[in-house]
Amino acid sequence: MTSMKAFLTRHPVAAYFVLTFGISWGGVLVVIRNYNDVSWSLFDNPLFPFAVLAMVAGPSVTGLVLTGLIDGSAGLRALRSRLLKWRVGARWYAVALLAAPIPATLVALILSSFSTEFIPGIFLNQDKAAGVRLGLVAGVTAGFFEELGWTGFAIPRLRQRQGVLATGLIAGALWSAWHLLVVAWGMGDRAGTIPVALFMLVDGMASLPAFRVLMVWVYDRTGSLCVAMLMHASLTACTLILAPRATGPALLANGVGFAAAA
């Protein structure tokens, strides 16, 4: 145990990413393996929620376990303190809650003026309330559990050696890569004529690293894990609520446009 703790203490960030990917991707692969009649539709696949649970277990479990192993009870208390730190000023809550919806809405308005493909799907749904609820629930779930690891553990340790920009780009690139497996599984034919791997590489690397840089900057100014969770929740919720029903190049243009606006 002593040698393990010494190794983890020397390489905490590397250990975090290896374990996070192992737990999340391992869980998703188990789900896929046990569902032979694979439906490539995000909403039709009955096991997709279990794959999502496997995904969020990766960063949350890893972050908590490594904090306990490396920093002990004092580290867990410090984590709880950052989680409960909410007195940071209204402007930071405004940034956290609006940094994603505002550019996403602007991109939707601009692009939809050129083509109806870019109209957010929520406006085309018959049950708009259900779509909003799904987005909010998914956002809160992803924000809370993912940021227990990303901002709760990895980001502060990366910041010890890297600046805000480098920390955001490194964590953002790995954050994007971490999504690849489960998103590819649930994406269906939305990539159109673009190979799924290429679509996801361009879309993910365009948007998530840029947004993670902003998240690191906000956390650097506030020290609040709670605010980071709200910021992540807002991003996930607005992505689901405002996502257009476009496919292929049009969908990719939407994602790149959001990255540029953010």
C-alpha atoms as a PDB file:
ATOM      1  CA  MET A   1       0.000   0.000   0.000  1.00  0.00           C
ATOM      2  CA  THR A   2       2.869   2.354   0.840  1.00  0.00           C
ATOM      3  CA  SER A   3       4.509   1.822  -2.545  1.00  0.00           C
ATOM      4  CA  MET A   4       1.164   2.327  -4.302  1.00  0.00           C
ATOM      5  CA  LYS A   5       0.542   5.576  -2.435  1.00  0.00           C
ATOM      6  CA  ALA A   6       4.046   6.753  -3.284  1.00  0.00           C
ATOM      7  CA  PHE A   7       3.464   6.034  -6.974  1.00  0.00           C
ATOM      8  CA  LEU A   8       0.077   7.783  -6.984  1.00  0.00           C
ATOM      9  CA  THR A   9       1.545  10.759  -5.165  1.00  0.00           C
ATOM     10  CA  ARG A  10       4.275  11.088  -7.794  1.00  0.00           C
ATOM     11  CA  HIS A  11       1.909  10.648 -10.746  1.00  0.00           C
ATOM     12  CA  PRO A  12      -1.565  11.782  -9.587  1.00  0.00           C
ATOM     13  CA  VAL A  13      -2.756  13.300 -12.873  1.00  0.00           C
ATOM     14  CA  ALA A  14      -1.629  10.382 -15.027  1.00  0.00           C
ATOM     15  CA  ALA A  15      -3.220   7.939 -12.566  1.00  0.00           C
ATOM     16  CA  TYR A  16      -6.459   9.924 -12.657  1.00  0.00           C
ATOM     17  CA  PHE A  17      -6.789   9.840 -16.428  1.00  0.00           C
ATOM     18  CA  VAL A  18      -5.820   6.169 -16.743  1.00  0.00           C
ATOM     19  CA  LEU A  19      -8.338   5.095 -14.100  1.00  0.00           C
ATOM     20  CA  THR A  20     -11.067   7.421 -15.374  1.00  0.00           C
ATOM     21  CA  PHE A  21     -10.791   6.119 -18.916  1.00  0.00           C
ATOM     22  CA  GLY A  22     -10.515   2.530 -17.664  1.00  0.00           C
ATOM     23  CA  ILE A  23     -13.655   2.659 -15.540  1.00  0.00           C
ATOM     24  CA  SER A  24     -15.751   4.666 -18.001  1.00  0.00           C
ATOM     25  CA  TRP A  25     -14.749   2.922 -21.207  1.00  0.00           C
ATOM     26  CA  GLY A  26     -14.686  -0.477 -19.536  1.00  0.00           C
ATOM     27  CA  GLY A  27     -18.240   0.016 -18.316  1.00  0.00           C
ATOM     28  CA  VAL A  28     -19.441   1.187 -21.726  1.00  0.00           C
ATOM     29  CA  LEU A  29     -17.823  -1.791 -23.454  1.00  0.00           C
ATOM     30  CA  VAL A  30     -19.525  -4.168 -21.006  1.00  0.00           C
ATOM     31  CA  VAL A  31     -22.896  -2.567 -21.797  1.00  0.00           C
ATOM     32  CA  ILE A  32     -22.283  -2.758 -25.544  1.00  0.00           C
ATOM     33  CA  ARG A  33     -21.111  -6.372 -25.305  1.00  0.00           C
ATOM     34  CA  ASN A  34     -24.267  -7.384 -23.453  1.00  0.00           C
ATOM     35  CA  TYR A  35     -26.600  -5.793 -25.968  1.00  0.00           C
ATOM     36  CA  ASN A  36     -26.392  -7.765 -29.179  1.00  0.00           C
ATOM     37  CA  ASP A  37     -29.240  -6.084 -31.058  1.00  0.00           C
ATOM     38  CA  VAL A  38     -27.552  -2.700 -31.007  1.00  0.00           C
ATOM     39  CA  SER A  39     -29.756   0.273 -31.759  1.00  0.00           C
ATOM     40  CA  TRP A  40     -27.620   3.171 -32.911  1.00  0.00           C
ATOM     41  CA  SER A  41     -30.185   5.709 -31.806  1.00  0.00           C
ATOM     42  CA  LEU A  42     -29.428   7.616 -28.630  1.00  0.00           C
ATOM     43  CA  PHE A  43     -33.028   7.645 -27.450  1.00  0.00           C
ATOM     44  CA  ASP A  44     -34.105   4.187 -28.683  1.00  0.00           C
ATOM     45  CA  ASN A  45     -31.272   2.192 -27.128  1.00  0.00           C
ATOM     46  CA  PRO A  46     -32.594   0.858 -23.785  1.00  0.00           C
ATOM     47  CA  LEU A  47     -29.098   0.372 -22.372  1.00  0.00           C
ATOM     48  CA  PHE A  48     -27.779   3.822 -23.209  1.00  0.00           C
ATOM     49  CA  PRO A  49     -28.598   5.196 -19.711  1.00  0.00           C
ATOM     50  CA  PHE A  50     -26.436   2.435 -18.201  1.00  0.00           C
ATOM     51  CA  ALA A  51     -23.586   3.428 -20.473  1.00  0.00           C
ATOM     52  CA  VAL A  52     -23.984   7.011 -19.251  1.00  0.00           C
ATOM     53  CA  LEU A  53     -23.849   5.815 -15.631  1.00  0.00           C
ATOM     54  CA  ALA A  54     -20.642   3.939 -16.408  1.00  0.00           C
ATOM     55  CA  MET A  55     -19.214   7.101 -17.925  1.00  0.00           C
ATOM     56  CA  VAL A  56     -19.930   9.388 -14.968  1.00  0.00           C
ATOM     57  CA  ALA A  57     -18.672   6.735 -12.547  1.00  0.00           C
ATOM     58  CA  GLY A  58     -15.191   7.056 -14.055  1.00  0.00           C
ATOM     59  CA  PRO A  59     -14.284  10.632 -13.050  1.00  0.00           C
ATOM     60  CA  SER A  60     -16.355  10.703  -9.850  1.00  0.00           C
ATOM     61  CA  VAL A  61     -15.133   7.421  -8.347  1.00  0.00           C
ATOM     62  CA  THR A  62     -11.557   8.026  -9.455  1.00  0.00           C
ATOM     63  CA  GLY A  63     -11.495  11.558  -8.094  1.00  0.00           C
ATOM     64  CA  LEU A  64     -12.859  10.540  -4.695  1.00  0.00           C
ATOM     65  CA  VAL A  65     -10.699   7.419  -4.334  1.00  0.00           C
ATOM     66  CA  LEU A  66      -7.465   9.132  -5.359  1.00  0.00           C
ATOM     67  CA  THR A  67      -8.183  12.091  -3.093  1.00  0.00           C
ATOM     68  CA  GLY A  68      -8.648   9.693  -0.181  1.00  0.00           C
ATOM     69  CA  LEU A  69      -5.577   7.612  -0.997  1.00  0.00           C
ATOM     70  CA  ILE A  70      -3.234  10.522  -1.643  1.00  0.00           C
ATOM     71  CA  ASP A  71      -4.469  13.230   0.725  1.00  0.00           C
ATOM     72  CA  GLY A  72      -6.434  11.204   3.252  1.00  0.00           C
ATOM     73  CA  SER A  73      -9.304  12.574   5.308  1.00  0.00           C
ATOM     74  CA  ALA A  74      -7.849  16.093   5.138  1.00  0.00           C
ATOM     75  CA  GLY A  75      -8.043  15.973   1.341  1.00  0.00           C
ATOM     76  CA  LEU A  76     -11.652  14.793   1.415  1.00  0.00           C
ATOM     77  CA  ARG A  77     -12.543  17.607   3.822  1.00  0.00           C
ATOM     78  CA  ALA A  78     -10.869  20.121   1.522  1.00  0.00           C
ATOM     79  CA  LEU A  79     -12.813  18.679  -1.417  1.00  0.00           C
ATOM     80  CA  ARG A  80     -16.059  19.051   0.507  1.00  0.00           C
ATOM     81  CA  SER A  81     -15.115  22.620   1.389  1.00  0.00           C
ATOM     82  CA  ARG A  82     -14.600  23.500  -2.294  1.00  0.00           C
ATOM     83  CA  LEU A  83     -17.866  21.764  -3.137  1.00  0.00           C
ATOM     84  CA  LEU A  84     -19.779  23.817  -0.573  1.00  0.00           C
ATOM     85  CA  LYS A  85     -18.096  27.104  -1.433  1.00  0.00           C
ATOM     86  CA  TRP A  86     -20.939  29.080  -2.951  1.00  0.00           C
ATOM     87  CA  ARG A  87     -20.318  32.679  -1.816  1.00  0.00           C
ATOM     88  CA  VAL A  88     -18.338  33.814  -4.827  1.00  0.00           C
ATOM     89  CA  GLY A  89     -20.327  36.752  -6.200  1.00  0.00           C
ATOM     90  CA  ALA A  90     -23.282  36.891  -8.555  1.00  0.00           C
ATOM     91  CA  ARG A  91     -21.128  37.658 -11.605  1.00  0.00           C
ATOM     92  CA  TRP A  92     -19.482  34.246 -11.410  1.00  0.00           C
ATOM     93  CA  TYR A  93     -22.849  32.508 -11.329  1.00  0.00           C
ATOM     94  CA  ALA A  94     -23.848  34.547 -14.370  1.00  0.00           C
ATOM     95  CA  VAL A  95     -20.719  33.411 -16.204  1.00  0.00           C
ATOM     96  CA  ALA A  96     -21.239  29.795 -15.150  1.00  0.00           C
ATOM     97  CA  LEU A  97     -24.877  29.651 -16.201  1.00  0.00           C
ATOM     98  CA  LEU A  98     -24.739  31.782 -19.364  1.00  0.00           C
ATOM     99  CA  ALA A  99     -21.317  31.064 -20.892  1.00  0.00           C
ATOM    100  CA  ALA A 100     -22.748  28.166 -22.896  1.00  0.00           C
ATOM    101  CA  PRO A 101     -26.396  29.156 -23.606  1.00  0.00           C
ATOM    102  CA  ILE A 102     -25.635  32.639 -24.945  1.00  0.00           C
ATOM    103  CA  PRO A 103     -23.161  31.618 -27.688  1.00  0.00           C
ATOM    104  CA  ALA A 104     -25.195  28.496 -28.470  1.00  0.00           C
ATOM    105  CA  THR A 105     -28.331  30.613 -28.928  1.00  0.00           C
ATOM    106  CA  LEU A 106     -26.502  33.175 -31.056  1.00  0.00           C
ATOM    107  CA  VAL A 107     -25.064  30.458 -33.296  1.00  0.00           C
ATOM    108  CA  ALA A 108     -28.514  28.861 -33.635  1.00  0.00           C
ATOM    109  CA  LEU A 109     -30.115  32.186 -34.566  1.00  0.00           C
ATOM    110  CA  ILE A 110     -27.443  33.061 -37.135  1.00  0.00           C
ATOM    111  CA  LEU A 111     -27.215  29.644 -38.763  1.00  0.00           C
ATOM    112  CA  SER A 112     -30.980  29.023 -38.778  1.00  0.00           C
ATOM    113  CA  SER A 113     -31.381  32.215 -40.815  1.00  0.00           C
ATOM    114  CA  PHE A 114     -29.522  30.397 -43.604  1.00  0.00           C
ATOM    115  CA  SER A 115     -31.133  26.973 -43.270  1.00  0.00           C
ATOM    116  CA  THR A 116     -33.922  25.341 -41.291  1.00  0.00           C
ATOM    117  CA  GLU A 117     -31.497  22.490 -40.561  1.00  0.00           C
ATOM    118  CA  PHE A 118     -30.038  24.612 -37.787  1.00  0.00           C
ATOM    119  CA  ILE A 119     -33.298  25.221 -35.912  1.00  0.00           C
ATOM    120  CA  PRO A 120     -32.833  23.770 -32.399  1.00  0.00           C
ATOM    121  CA  GLY A 121     -34.628  20.450 -32.012  1.00  0.00           C
ATOM    122  CA  ILE A 122     -36.502  21.667 -28.947  1.00  0.00           C
ATOM    123  CA  PHE A 123     -38.602  23.981 -31.157  1.00  0.00           C
ATOM    124  CA  LEU A 124     -39.587  21.040 -33.342  1.00  0.00           C
ATOM    125  CA  ASN A 125     -40.556  18.714 -30.493  1.00  0.00           C
ATOM    126  CA  GLN A 126     -44.213  18.278 -29.665  1.00  0.00           C
ATOM    127  CA  ASP A 127     -43.395  17.794 -25.986  1.00  0.00           C
ATOM    128  CA  LYS A 128     -41.002  20.684 -25.365  1.00  0.00           C
ATOM    129  CA  ALA A 129     -41.242  20.376 -21.584  1.00  0.00           C
ATOM    130  CA  ALA A 130     -39.980  16.800 -21.719  1.00  0.00           C
ATOM    131  CA  GLY A 131     -37.026  17.891 -23.832  1.00  0.00           C
ATOM    132  CA  VAL A 132     -36.135  20.622 -21.361  1.00  0.00           C
ATOM    133  CA  ARG A 133     -36.447  18.236 -18.409  1.00  0.00           C
ATOM    134  CA  LEU A 134     -34.181  15.703 -20.110  1.00  0.00           C
ATOM    135  CA  GLY A 135     -31.582  18.390 -20.754  1.00  0.00           C
ATOM    136  CA  LEU A 136     -31.694  19.691 -17.194  1.00  0.00           C
ATOM    137  CA  VAL A 137     -31.501  16.252 -15.582  1.00  0.00           C
ATOM    138  CA  ALA A 138     -28.646  15.202 -17.846  1.00  0.00           C
ATOM    139  CA  GLY A 139     -26.876  18.495 -17.201  1.00  0.00           C
ATOM    140  CA  VAL A 140     -27.089  18.313 -13.413  1.00  0.00           C
ATOM    141  CA  THR A 141     -26.026  14.647 -13.411  1.00  0.00           C
ATOM    142  CA  ALA A 142     -23.051  15.199 -15.700  1.00  0.00           C
ATOM    143  CA  GLY A 143     -22.012  18.410 -13.979  1.00  0.00           C
ATOM    144  CA  PHE A 144     -22.030  16.987 -10.470  1.00  0.00           C
ATOM    145  CA  PHE A 145     -20.437  13.597 -11.041  1.00  0.00           C
ATOM    146  CA  GLU A 146     -17.935  14.531 -13.734  1.00  0.00           C
ATOM    147  CA  GLU A 147     -16.598  17.598 -11.954  1.00  0.00           C
ATOM    148  CA  LEU A 148     -15.934  15.625  -8.777  1.00  0.00           C
ATOM    149  CA  GLY A 149     -13.028  14.287 -10.806  1.00  0.00           C
ATOM    150  CA  TRP A 150     -12.159  16.868 -13.465  1.00  0.00           C
ATOM    151  CA  THR A 151     -12.209  19.964 -11.262  1.00  0.00           C
ATOM    152  CA  GLY A 152     -12.246  18.192  -7.911  1.00  0.00           C
ATOM    153  CA  PHE A 153      -8.987  16.344  -8.552  1.00  0.00           C
ATOM    154  CA  ALA A 154      -7.280  16.780 -11.936  1.00  0.00           C
ATOM    155  CA  ILE A 155      -7.525  20.530 -12.582  1.00  0.00           C
ATOM    156  CA  PRO A 156      -5.925  21.736  -9.293  1.00  0.00           C
ATOM    157  CA  ARG A 157      -2.995  19.356  -9.800  1.00  0.00           C
ATOM    158  CA  LEU A 158      -2.491  20.356 -13.409  1.00  0.00           C
ATOM    159  CA  ARG A 159      -2.530  24.013 -12.334  1.00  0.00           C
ATOM    160  CA  GLN A 160       0.405  23.381 -10.013  1.00  0.00           C
ATOM    161  CA  ARG A 161       2.627  23.029 -13.098  1.00  0.00           C
ATOM    162  CA  GLN A 162       0.655  24.640 -15.929  1.00  0.00           C
ATOM    163  CA  GLY A 163      -1.013  27.957 -16.615  1.00  0.00           C
ATOM    164  CA  VAL A 164      -4.749  28.388 -17.111  1.00  0.00           C
ATOM    165  CA  LEU A 165      -4.553  28.043 -20.897  1.00  0.00           C
ATOM    166  CA  ALA A 166      -2.351  24.937 -20.911  1.00  0.00           C
ATOM    167  CA  THR A 167      -4.383  23.318 -18.125  1.00  0.00           C
ATOM    168  CA  GLY A 168      -7.629  23.950 -19.979  1.00  0.00           C
ATOM    169  CA  LEU A 169      -6.307  22.654 -23.294  1.00  0.00           C
ATOM    170  CA  ILE A 170      -4.786  19.505 -21.789  1.00  0.00           C
ATOM    171  CA  ALA A 171      -7.822  18.672 -19.670  1.00  0.00           C
ATOM    172  CA  GLY A 172     -10.177  19.711 -22.469  1.00  0.00           C
ATOM    173  CA  ALA A 173      -8.508  17.474 -25.058  1.00  0.00           C
ATOM    174  CA  LEU A 174      -8.660  14.500 -22.705  1.00  0.00           C
ATOM    175  CA  TRP A 175     -12.219  15.408 -21.708  1.00  0.00           C
ATOM    176  CA  SER A 176     -13.167  15.382 -25.383  1.00  0.00           C
ATOM    177  CA  ALA A 177     -11.415  12.048 -25.993  1.00  0.00           C
ATOM    178  CA  TRP A 178     -13.148  10.578 -22.934  1.00  0.00           C
ATOM    179  CA  HIS A 179     -16.541  11.177 -24.605  1.00  0.00           C
ATOM    180  CA  LEU A 180     -15.628   9.473 -27.875  1.00  0.00           C
ATOM    181  CA  LEU A 181     -16.765   5.917 -27.198  1.00  0.00           C
ATOM    182  CA  VAL A 182     -20.186   6.564 -25.715  1.00  0.00           C
ATOM    183  CA  VAL A 183     -21.001   9.404 -28.127  1.00  0.00           C
ATOM    184  CA  ALA A 184     -19.988   7.291 -31.129  1.00  0.00           C
ATOM    185  CA  TRP A 185     -22.272   4.535 -29.855  1.00  0.00           C
ATOM    186  CA  GLY A 186     -25.236   6.848 -29.443  1.00  0.00           C
ATOM    187  CA  MET A 187     -24.638   9.036 -32.440  1.00  0.00           C
ATOM    188  CA  GLY A 188     -26.328   6.914 -35.047  1.00  0.00           C
ATOM    189  CA  ASP A 189     -26.117   8.245 -38.579  1.00  0.00           C
ATOM    190  CA  ARG A 190     -25.952  11.923 -37.598  1.00  0.00           C
ATOM    191  CA  ALA A 191     -22.409  12.234 -38.939  1.00  0.00           C
ATOM    192  CA  GLY A 192     -23.866  11.762 -42.411  1.00  0.00           C
ATOM    193  CA  THR A 193     -21.203  11.304 -45.066  1.00  0.00           C
ATOM    194  CA  ILE A 194     -18.403  12.287 -42.675  1.00  0.00           C
ATOM    195  CA  PRO A 195     -16.620   9.335 -41.001  1.00  0.00           C
ATOM    196  CA  VAL A 196     -17.778   9.210 -37.373  1.00  0.00           C
ATOM    197  CA  ALA A 197     -14.233   9.255 -35.991  1.00  0.00           C
ATOM    198  CA  LEU A 198     -13.305  12.321 -38.039  1.00  0.00           C
ATOM    199  CA  PHE A 199     -16.567  14.083 -37.194  1.00  0.00           C
ATOM    200  CA  MET A 200     -16.114  13.557 -33.481  1.00  0.00           C
ATOM    201  CA  LEU A 201     -12.445  14.526 -33.555  1.00  0.00           C
ATOM    202  CA  VAL A 202     -13.136  17.859 -35.256  1.00  0.00           C
ATOM    203  CA  ASP A 203     -16.320  18.626 -33.315  1.00  0.00           C
ATOM    204  CA  GLY A 204     -15.008  17.563 -29.918  1.00  0.00           C
ATOM    205  CA  MET A 205     -11.600  19.159 -30.231  1.00  0.00           C
ATOM    206  CA  ALA A 206     -13.146  22.391 -31.481  1.00  0.00           C
ATOM    207  CA  SER A 207     -15.597  22.914 -28.643  1.00  0.00           C
ATOM    208  CA  LEU A 208     -14.672  21.107 -25.422  1.00  0.00           C
ATOM    209  CA  PRO A 209     -11.057  22.269 -24.982  1.00  0.00           C
ATOM    210  CA  ALA A 210     -12.122  25.880 -25.599  1.00  0.00           C
ATOM    211  CA  PHE A 211     -14.892  25.642 -23.037  1.00  0.00           C
ATOM    212  CA  ARG A 212     -12.646  23.854 -20.540  1.00  0.00           C
ATOM    213  CA  VAL A 213     -10.173  26.751 -20.715  1.00  0.00           C
ATOM    214  CA  LEU A 214     -13.014  29.054 -19.674  1.00  0.00           C
ATOM    215  CA  MET A 215     -14.001  26.653 -16.895  1.00  0.00           C
ATOM    216  CA  VAL A 216     -10.443  26.535 -15.565  1.00  0.00           C
ATOM    217  CA  TRP A 217     -10.295  30.337 -15.596  1.00  0.00           C
ATOM    218  CA  VAL A 218     -13.544  30.607 -13.623  1.00  0.00           C
ATOM    219  CA  TYR A 219     -12.398  27.993 -11.115  1.00  0.00           C
ATOM    220  CA  ASP A 220      -9.040  29.749 -10.796  1.00  0.00           C
ATOM    221  CA  ARG A 221     -10.850  32.948  -9.793  1.00  0.00           C
ATOM    222  CA  THR A 222     -13.432  31.390  -7.481  1.00  0.00           C
ATOM    223  CA  GLY A 223     -11.985  28.171  -6.064  1.00  0.00           C
ATOM    224  CA  SER A 224     -15.559  26.882  -6.113  1.00  0.00           C
ATOM    225  CA  LEU A 225     -16.231  23.331  -7.230  1.00  0.00           C
ATOM    226  CA  CYS A 226     -19.947  24.124  -6.980  1.00  0.00           C
ATOM    227  CA  VAL A 227     -19.643  26.837  -9.650  1.00  0.00           C
ATOM    228  CA  ALA A 228     -17.644  24.497 -11.900  1.00  0.00           C
ATOM    229  CA  MET A 229     -20.415  21.926 -11.615  1.00  0.00           C
ATOM    230  CA  LEU A 230     -23.054  24.515 -12.535  1.00  0.00           C
ATOM    231  CA  MET A 231     -20.981  25.597 -15.534  1.00  0.00           C
ATOM    232  CA  HIS A 232     -20.674  22.008 -16.754  1.00  0.00           C
ATOM    233  CA  ALA A 233     -24.379  21.404 -16.136  1.00  0.00           C
ATOM    234  CA  SER A 234     -25.282  24.473 -18.172  1.00  0.00           C
ATOM    235  CA  LEU A 235     -23.121  23.313 -21.082  1.00  0.00           C
ATOM    236  CA  THR A 236     -24.597  19.817 -21.154  1.00  0.00           C
ATOM    237  CA  ALA A 237     -28.177  21.047 -20.755  1.00  0.00           C
ATOM    238  CA  CYS A 238     -27.989  23.663 -23.491  1.00  0.00           C
ATOM    239  CA  THR A 239     -26.181  21.230 -25.811  1.00  0.00           C
ATOM    240  CA  LEU A 240     -29.096  18.802 -25.535  1.00  0.00           C
ATOM    241  CA  ILE A 241     -31.864  21.409 -25.533  1.00  0.00           C
ATOM    242  CA  LEU A 242     -30.519  23.585 -28.358  1.00  0.00           C
ATOM    243  CA  ALA A 243     -28.996  20.857 -30.526  1.00  0.00           C
ATOM    244  CA  PRO A 244     -30.284  21.090 -34.107  1.00  0.00           C
ATOM    245  CA  ARG A 245     -31.555  18.086 -36.019  1.00  0.00           C
ATOM    246  CA  ALA A 246     -28.944  18.735 -38.681  1.00  0.00           C
ATOM    247  CA  THR A 247     -26.630  15.949 -39.809  1.00  0.00           C
ATOM    248  CA  GLY A 248     -23.227  15.683 -41.423  1.00  0.00           C
ATOM    249  CA  PRO A 249     -21.467  18.933 -42.423  1.00  0.00           C
ATOM    250  CA  ALA A 250     -24.316  21.094 -41.117  1.00  0.00           C
ATOM    251  CA  LEU A 251     -24.138  19.543 -37.648  1.00  0.00           C
ATOM    252  CA  LEU A 252     -20.358  19.888 -37.646  1.00  0.00           C
ATOM    253  CA  ALA A 253     -20.650  23.544 -38.662  1.00  0.00           C
ATOM    254  CA  ASN A 254     -22.959  24.093 -35.694  1.00  0.00           C
ATOM    255  CA  GLY A 255     -20.410  22.635 -33.284  1.00  0.00           C
ATOM    256  CA  VAL A 256     -17.501  24.597 -34.727  1.00  0.00           C
ATOM    257  CA  GLY A 257     -19.620  27.749 -34.673  1.00  0.00           C
ATOM    258  CA  PHE A 258     -20.337  27.268 -30.965  1.00  0.00           C
ATOM    259  CA  ALA A 259     -16.625  26.794 -30.251  1.00  0.00           C
ATOM    260  CA  ALA A 260     -15.801  30.001 -32.107  1.00  0.00           C
ATOM    261  CA  ALA A 261     -18.525  31.949 -30.310  1.00  0.00           C
ATOM    262  CA  ALA A 262     -17.573  30.624 -26.890  1.00  0.00           C
END
